[in-house]
Amino acid sequence: MTEGFLFLSFFLFGVAAFLGYDGIRILRRVFPHGILWIAGEDFLYWTVTGSCFFLRLCQENNGRIRGYLLLAVVLGAVSYYALFSRFLMRFLTRGIISMKNRLKKMKKAATIRMNKLHVKKKQQRSEKDNECEEETPR
């Protein structure tokens, strides 16, 4: 593999790594959670990303760490952050929160309708019970 293609490959790895982290950041904005959960997510993310980077390095470069490949990953991540991250974060976060709110409204409407049906059935049952009590002689 040529050095230029290898550089581009690791540059794209940096972009993909930061894109994956943006996915985690979006989930954190949409579904807020505690510091321990965030620490666990970060630990898992960095473990998986580091392992993938190491495996890729072993496959492409026989495990030799070369400075320009580390530079490529960092440049890819920084480029993605500078050019796309903020826009993508805003757009996807707003879209997901909007869908989440719509689903909440739909759930609330369905719950209200189900409650009304449940109350109506109870009233019908009590009316039937009252009719049965009136018909039976004592």
Protein backbone atom coordinates (compact mmCIF):
# COMPACT_ATOMS: atom_id res chain seq x y z
CA MET A 1 0.00 0.00 0.00
CA THR A 2 1.40 3.41 -0.88
CA GLU A 3 2.16 5.90 1.84
CA GLY A 4 -0.35 8.43 0.48
CA PHE A 5 -3.18 5.90 0.46
CA LEU A 6 -2.21 4.77 3.97
CA PHE A 7 -2.28 8.39 5.16
CA LEU A 8 -5.74 8.89 3.58
CA SER A 9 -6.97 5.65 5.14
CA PHE A 10 -5.94 6.72 8.64
CA PHE A 11 -7.28 10.25 8.01
CA LEU A 12 -10.68 8.68 7.29
CA PHE A 13 -10.31 6.54 10.40
CA GLY A 14 -9.96 9.77 12.43
CA VAL A 15 -13.11 11.16 10.78
CA ALA A 16 -15.03 7.94 11.51
CA ALA A 17 -13.79 7.86 15.10
CA PHE A 18 -15.00 11.40 15.80
CA LEU A 19 -18.26 10.73 13.96
CA GLY A 20 -18.82 7.80 16.31
CA TYR A 21 -18.12 10.00 19.31
CA ASP A 22 -20.61 12.54 17.96
CA GLY A 23 -23.20 9.76 18.02
CA ILE A 24 -22.51 9.28 21.72
CA ARG A 25 -22.68 13.05 22.30
CA ILE A 26 -26.08 13.22 20.54
CA LEU A 27 -27.43 10.42 22.72
CA ARG A 28 -26.21 12.30 25.79
CA ARG A 29 -28.09 15.42 24.73
CA VAL A 30 -31.28 13.59 23.88
CA PHE A 31 -31.24 11.24 26.89
CA PRO A 32 -29.33 12.94 29.74
CA HIS A 33 -27.76 10.57 32.25
CA GLY A 34 -25.36 10.53 35.19
CA ILE A 35 -21.61 10.92 35.34
CA LEU A 36 -20.95 7.22 35.99
CA TRP A 37 -22.87 6.23 32.86
CA ILE A 38 -20.96 8.85 30.85
CA ALA A 39 -17.64 7.56 32.20
CA GLY A 40 -18.61 4.02 31.21
CA GLU A 41 -19.56 5.16 27.70
CA ASP A 42 -16.27 6.99 27.31
CA PHE A 43 -14.27 4.03 28.59
CA LEU A 44 -16.01 1.68 26.17
CA TYR A 45 -15.65 4.12 23.26
CA TRP A 46 -11.93 4.70 23.80
CA THR A 47 -11.28 0.99 24.35
CA VAL A 48 -13.00 0.05 21.09
CA THR A 49 -11.47 2.94 19.14
CA GLY A 50 -7.97 2.27 20.45
CA SER A 51 -8.30 -1.44 19.69
CA CYS A 52 -9.52 -0.73 16.17
CA PHE A 53 -6.65 1.70 15.60
CA PHE A 54 -4.10 -0.81 16.88
CA LEU A 55 -5.54 -3.64 14.75
CA ARG A 56 -5.58 -1.41 11.70
CA LEU A 57 -2.00 -0.40 12.39
CA CYS A 58 -0.99 -4.06 12.69
CA GLN A 59 -2.75 -4.97 9.43
CA GLU A 60 -1.42 -2.12 7.35
CA ASN A 61 1.97 -1.38 8.85
CA ASN A 62 3.01 -4.58 10.66
CA GLY A 63 2.40 -2.89 14.01
CA ARG A 64 5.02 -0.20 13.53
CA ILE A 65 3.83 3.12 14.83
CA ARG A 66 4.61 5.88 12.43
CA GLY A 67 4.18 9.50 13.36
CA TYR A 68 2.50 10.47 10.12
CA LEU A 69 -0.27 7.90 10.73
CA LEU A 70 -1.00 9.32 14.17
CA LEU A 71 -0.96 12.76 12.56
CA ALA A 72 -3.42 11.54 9.91
CA VAL A 73 -5.87 10.31 12.58
CA VAL A 74 -5.64 13.58 14.51
CA LEU A 75 -6.01 15.66 11.33
CA GLY A 76 -9.04 13.61 10.29
CA ALA A 77 -10.73 14.10 13.66
CA VAL A 78 -9.92 17.83 13.81
CA SER A 79 -11.06 18.37 10.21
CA TYR A 80 -14.35 16.61 10.84
CA TYR A 81 -14.89 18.60 14.03
CA ALA A 82 -14.11 21.92 12.35
CA LEU A 83 -16.18 21.32 9.21
CA PHE A 84 -19.14 19.09 10.09
CA SER A 85 -19.52 18.31 13.76
CA ARG A 86 -21.36 21.40 14.98
CA PHE A 87 -23.83 21.40 12.11
CA LEU A 88 -24.45 17.66 12.35
CA MET A 89 -24.85 17.79 16.13
CA ARG A 90 -27.43 20.58 15.95
CA PHE A 91 -29.34 19.06 13.06
CA LEU A 92 -29.51 15.51 14.41
CA THR A 93 -30.14 16.55 18.02
CA ARG A 94 -33.03 18.79 17.02
CA GLY A 95 -34.47 16.13 14.76
CA ILE A 96 -34.27 13.39 17.38
CA ILE A 97 -35.68 15.61 20.14
CA SER A 98 -38.53 16.60 17.81
CA MET A 99 -39.30 12.94 17.09
CA LYS A 100 -39.06 12.15 20.81
CA ASN A 101 -41.57 14.91 21.62
CA ARG A 102 -43.95 13.72 18.88
CA LEU A 103 -43.79 10.17 20.23
CA LYS A 104 -44.52 11.46 23.74
CA LYS A 105 -47.58 13.33 22.45
CA MET A 106 -48.77 10.27 20.55
CA LYS A 107 -48.29 8.12 23.65
CA LYS A 108 -50.18 10.63 25.77
CA ALA A 109 -53.06 10.77 23.27
CA ALA A 110 -53.21 6.98 23.08
CA THR A 111 -53.12 6.71 26.87
CA ILE A 112 -55.95 9.21 27.24
CA ARG A 113 -58.04 7.30 24.67
CA MET A 114 -57.30 3.98 26.37
CA ASN A 115 -58.24 5.46 29.75
CA LYS A 116 -61.52 6.76 28.31
CA LEU A 117 -62.29 3.34 26.86
CA HIS A 118 -61.43 1.70 30.16
CA VAL A 119 -63.72 4.08 32.07
CA LYS A 120 -66.50 3.54 29.52
CA LYS A 121 -66.22 -0.26 29.88
CA LYS A 122 -66.34 0.06 33.67
CA GLN A 123 -69.47 2.17 33.41
CA GLN A 124 -71.07 -0.36 31.07
CA ARG A 125 -70.19 -3.19 33.44
CA SER A 126 -71.59 -1.34 36.42
CA GLU A 127 -74.78 -0.56 34.47
CA LYS A 128 -75.14 -4.26 33.57
CA ASP A 129 -74.54 -5.22 37.19
CA ASN A 130 -77.18 -2.71 38.28
CA GLU A 131 -79.63 -4.12 35.74
CA CYS A 132 -78.96 -7.65 36.91
CA GLU A 133 -79.45 -6.66 40.54
CA GLU A 134 -82.78 -4.99 39.72
CA GLU A 135 -84.06 -8.05 37.83
CA THR A 136 -83.23 -10.64 40.49
CA PRO A 137 -85.87 -10.95 43.20
CA ARG A 138 -84.78 -10.90 46.82
